[in-house]
Amino acid sequence: MGTLGTTVVLVLGVGLLLALAALLRRGREITWPSIGLAALASAACFVVAGMHVGTGRGPGSAITCGGLAGLLCLLSVVLVLLPSRHADGPPGRLPVWIASAGTLLGVVGLVLAPVYG
């Protein structure tokens, strides 16, 4: 990946971190936006990993982190959709934290991808 591609990937990683910080700073209902952000981070990792397909080595850091971020995203969706004891209230904070961990893992994969491939 050239210099421009590396710059775009790093700017995307910083943008995802800023969006995550803005979501967590908001105290209101942020469950689905945080899950969407984790899914976006996972998808970005898979796109970046697709650029390194021709290297011939095993799966890189981007594909590994993207897969784990996607799993965390799915786990948070399952936790949100499970019926709880308080059906009329909003879901707890656990799905938000799991989705946030997925976003952070995706950003780590995006940042490590230009370095380690």
C-alpha atoms as a PDB file:
ATOM      1  CA  MET A   1       0.000   0.000   0.000  1.00  0.00           C
ATOM      2  CA  GLY A   2       1.410   3.355  -0.991  1.00  0.00           C
ATOM      3  CA  THR A   3       1.751   6.501   1.048  1.00  0.00           C
ATOM      4  CA  LEU A   4      -1.683   7.793   0.069  1.00  0.00           C
ATOM      5  CA  GLY A   5      -3.331   4.497   1.015  1.00  0.00           C
ATOM      6  CA  THR A   6      -1.551   4.448   4.353  1.00  0.00           C
ATOM      7  CA  THR A   7      -2.650   8.011   5.047  1.00  0.00           C
ATOM      8  CA  VAL A   8      -6.272   7.224   4.190  1.00  0.00           C
ATOM      9  CA  VAL A   9      -6.253   4.156   6.472  1.00  0.00           C
ATOM     10  CA  LEU A  10      -4.771   6.127   9.369  1.00  0.00           C
ATOM     11  CA  VAL A  11      -7.256   8.991   8.889  1.00  0.00           C
ATOM     12  CA  LEU A  12     -10.089   6.426   8.857  1.00  0.00           C
ATOM     13  CA  GLY A  13      -8.772   4.950  12.109  1.00  0.00           C
ATOM     14  CA  VAL A  14      -8.604   8.357  13.774  1.00  0.00           C
ATOM     15  CA  GLY A  15     -12.089   9.181  12.480  1.00  0.00           C
ATOM     16  CA  LEU A  16     -13.471   5.975  13.978  1.00  0.00           C
ATOM     17  CA  LEU A  17     -11.833   6.776  17.317  1.00  0.00           C
ATOM     18  CA  LEU A  18     -13.285  10.292  17.302  1.00  0.00           C
ATOM     19  CA  ALA A  19     -16.739   8.967  16.444  1.00  0.00           C
ATOM     20  CA  LEU A  20     -16.478   6.414  19.251  1.00  0.00           C
ATOM     21  CA  ALA A  21     -15.438   9.102  21.726  1.00  0.00           C
ATOM     22  CA  ALA A  22     -18.353  11.293  20.639  1.00  0.00           C
ATOM     23  CA  LEU A  23     -20.791   8.405  21.044  1.00  0.00           C
ATOM     24  CA  LEU A  24     -19.525   7.437  24.474  1.00  0.00           C
ATOM     25  CA  ARG A  25     -19.576  11.031  25.629  1.00  0.00           C
ATOM     26  CA  ARG A  26     -23.267  11.264  24.770  1.00  0.00           C
ATOM     27  CA  GLY A  27     -25.176   9.857  27.694  1.00  0.00           C
ATOM     28  CA  ARG A  28     -28.350   9.003  25.841  1.00  0.00           C
ATOM     29  CA  GLU A  29     -29.417   5.902  23.961  1.00  0.00           C
ATOM     30  CA  ILE A  30     -26.336   4.960  21.939  1.00  0.00           C
ATOM     31  CA  THR A  31     -26.666   1.186  21.618  1.00  0.00           C
ATOM     32  CA  TRP A  32     -27.403   0.885  17.914  1.00  0.00           C
ATOM     33  CA  PRO A  33     -25.049   3.665  16.747  1.00  0.00           C
ATOM     34  CA  SER A  34     -22.180   2.049  18.662  1.00  0.00           C
ATOM     35  CA  ILE A  35     -22.998  -1.331  17.102  1.00  0.00           C
ATOM     36  CA  GLY A  36     -23.049   0.298  13.671  1.00  0.00           C
ATOM     37  CA  LEU A  37     -19.673   1.875  14.342  1.00  0.00           C
ATOM     38  CA  ALA A  38     -18.227  -1.524  15.316  1.00  0.00           C
ATOM     39  CA  ALA A  39     -19.621  -3.015  12.096  1.00  0.00           C
ATOM     40  CA  LEU A  40     -18.063  -0.166  10.098  1.00  0.00           C
ATOM     41  CA  ALA A  41     -14.687  -0.749  11.759  1.00  0.00           C
ATOM     42  CA  SER A  42     -14.912  -4.457  10.979  1.00  0.00           C
ATOM     43  CA  ALA A  43     -15.819  -3.783   7.347  1.00  0.00           C
ATOM     44  CA  ALA A  44     -12.970  -1.289   6.995  1.00  0.00           C
ATOM     45  CA  CYS A  45     -10.540  -3.922   8.296  1.00  0.00           C
ATOM     46  CA  PHE A  46     -11.744  -6.407   5.695  1.00  0.00           C
ATOM     47  CA  VAL A  47     -11.367  -3.825   2.912  1.00  0.00           C
ATOM     48  CA  VAL A  48      -7.834  -3.001   4.020  1.00  0.00           C
ATOM     49  CA  ALA A  49      -7.030  -6.707   4.315  1.00  0.00           C
ATOM     50  CA  GLY A  50      -8.256  -7.185   0.747  1.00  0.00           C
ATOM     51  CA  MET A  51      -5.549  -4.815  -0.438  1.00  0.00           C
ATOM     52  CA  HIS A  52      -2.907  -7.177   0.977  1.00  0.00           C
ATOM     53  CA  VAL A  53      -4.253 -10.359  -0.628  1.00  0.00           C
ATOM     54  CA  GLY A  54      -1.374 -10.702  -3.097  1.00  0.00           C
ATOM     55  CA  THR A  55       1.343 -10.897  -0.438  1.00  0.00           C
ATOM     56  CA  GLY A  56       1.081 -14.686  -0.130  1.00  0.00           C
ATOM     57  CA  ARG A  57       1.436 -14.717   3.642  1.00  0.00           C
ATOM     58  CA  GLY A  58      -1.215 -15.852   6.074  1.00  0.00           C
ATOM     59  CA  PRO A  59      -3.991 -13.636   7.367  1.00  0.00           C
ATOM     60  CA  GLY A  60      -2.701 -10.273   8.444  1.00  0.00           C
ATOM     61  CA  SER A  61      -3.520  -8.153  11.441  1.00  0.00           C
ATOM     62  CA  ALA A  62      -6.356  -6.377   9.621  1.00  0.00           C
ATOM     63  CA  ILE A  63      -8.264  -9.556   8.782  1.00  0.00           C
ATOM     64  CA  THR A  64      -7.778 -10.965  12.272  1.00  0.00           C
ATOM     65  CA  CYS A  65      -8.854  -7.781  14.043  1.00  0.00           C
ATOM     66  CA  GLY A  66     -11.711  -7.308  11.574  1.00  0.00           C
ATOM     67  CA  GLY A  67     -13.028 -10.782  12.281  1.00  0.00           C
ATOM     68  CA  LEU A  68     -12.822 -10.313  16.042  1.00  0.00           C
ATOM     69  CA  ALA A  69     -14.474  -6.896  15.792  1.00  0.00           C
ATOM     70  CA  GLY A  70     -17.275  -8.455  13.763  1.00  0.00           C
ATOM     71  CA  LEU A  71     -17.763 -11.163  16.385  1.00  0.00           C
ATOM     72  CA  LEU A  72     -17.954  -8.558  19.140  1.00  0.00           C
ATOM     73  CA  CYS A  73     -20.468  -6.621  17.054  1.00  0.00           C
ATOM     74  CA  LEU A  74     -22.643  -9.718  16.679  1.00  0.00           C
ATOM     75  CA  LEU A  75     -22.376 -10.471  20.384  1.00  0.00           C
ATOM     76  CA  SER A  76     -23.581  -6.994  21.265  1.00  0.00           C
ATOM     77  CA  VAL A  77     -26.508  -7.318  18.828  1.00  0.00           C
ATOM     78  CA  VAL A  78     -27.523 -10.608  20.438  1.00  0.00           C
ATOM     79  CA  LEU A  79     -27.336  -9.033  23.896  1.00  0.00           C
ATOM     80  CA  VAL A  80     -29.520  -6.124  22.790  1.00  0.00           C
ATOM     81  CA  LEU A  81     -32.141  -8.352  21.201  1.00  0.00           C
ATOM     82  CA  LEU A  82     -32.402 -10.805  24.101  1.00  0.00           C
ATOM     83  CA  PRO A  83     -35.460 -10.156  26.239  1.00  0.00           C
ATOM     84  CA  SER A  84     -34.586  -8.756  29.632  1.00  0.00           C
ATOM     85  CA  ARG A  85     -36.359  -8.540  32.951  1.00  0.00           C
ATOM     86  CA  HIS A  86     -37.128  -4.873  32.334  1.00  0.00           C
ATOM     87  CA  ALA A  87     -38.748  -5.059  28.910  1.00  0.00           C
ATOM     88  CA  ASP A  88     -39.869  -1.427  28.869  1.00  0.00           C
ATOM     89  CA  GLY A  89     -36.460   0.057  29.747  1.00  0.00           C
ATOM     90  CA  PRO A  90     -33.456   0.561  27.507  1.00  0.00           C
ATOM     91  CA  PRO A  91     -30.853  -2.209  27.301  1.00  0.00           C
ATOM     92  CA  GLY A  92     -27.958  -2.048  29.709  1.00  0.00           C
ATOM     93  CA  ARG A  93     -24.539  -0.616  29.010  1.00  0.00           C
ATOM     94  CA  LEU A  94     -22.871  -3.996  28.361  1.00  0.00           C
ATOM     95  CA  PRO A  95     -23.728  -4.101  24.619  1.00  0.00           C
ATOM     96  CA  VAL A  96     -22.336  -0.576  24.232  1.00  0.00           C
ATOM     97  CA  TRP A  97     -19.057  -1.535  25.893  1.00  0.00           C
ATOM     98  CA  ILE A  98     -18.741  -4.725  23.850  1.00  0.00           C
ATOM     99  CA  ALA A  99     -19.388  -2.811  20.614  1.00  0.00           C
ATOM    100  CA  SER A 100     -16.876  -0.174  21.726  1.00  0.00           C
ATOM    101  CA  ALA A 101     -14.286  -2.893  22.284  1.00  0.00           C
ATOM    102  CA  GLY A 102     -15.023  -4.147  18.763  1.00  0.00           C
ATOM    103  CA  THR A 103     -14.495  -0.660  17.369  1.00  0.00           C
ATOM    104  CA  LEU A 104     -11.201  -0.295  19.225  1.00  0.00           C
ATOM    105  CA  LEU A 105     -10.074  -3.690  17.964  1.00  0.00           C
ATOM    106  CA  GLY A 106     -10.958  -2.655  14.416  1.00  0.00           C
ATOM    107  CA  VAL A 107      -8.963   0.551  14.772  1.00  0.00           C
ATOM    108  CA  VAL A 108      -5.981  -1.445  16.048  1.00  0.00           C
ATOM    109  CA  GLY A 109      -6.252  -3.659  12.971  1.00  0.00           C
ATOM    110  CA  LEU A 110      -6.405  -0.598  10.709  1.00  0.00           C
ATOM    111  CA  VAL A 111      -3.365   0.989  12.318  1.00  0.00           C
ATOM    112  CA  LEU A 112      -1.320  -2.220  12.301  1.00  0.00           C
ATOM    113  CA  ALA A 113      -2.212  -3.141   8.710  1.00  0.00           C
ATOM    114  CA  PRO A 114       0.188  -0.718   6.999  1.00  0.00           C
ATOM    115  CA  VAL A 115       2.964  -1.689   9.379  1.00  0.00           C
ATOM    116  CA  TYR A 116       2.692  -5.482   9.440  1.00  0.00           C
ATOM    117  CA  GLY A 117       0.530  -6.249   6.431  1.00  0.00           C
END
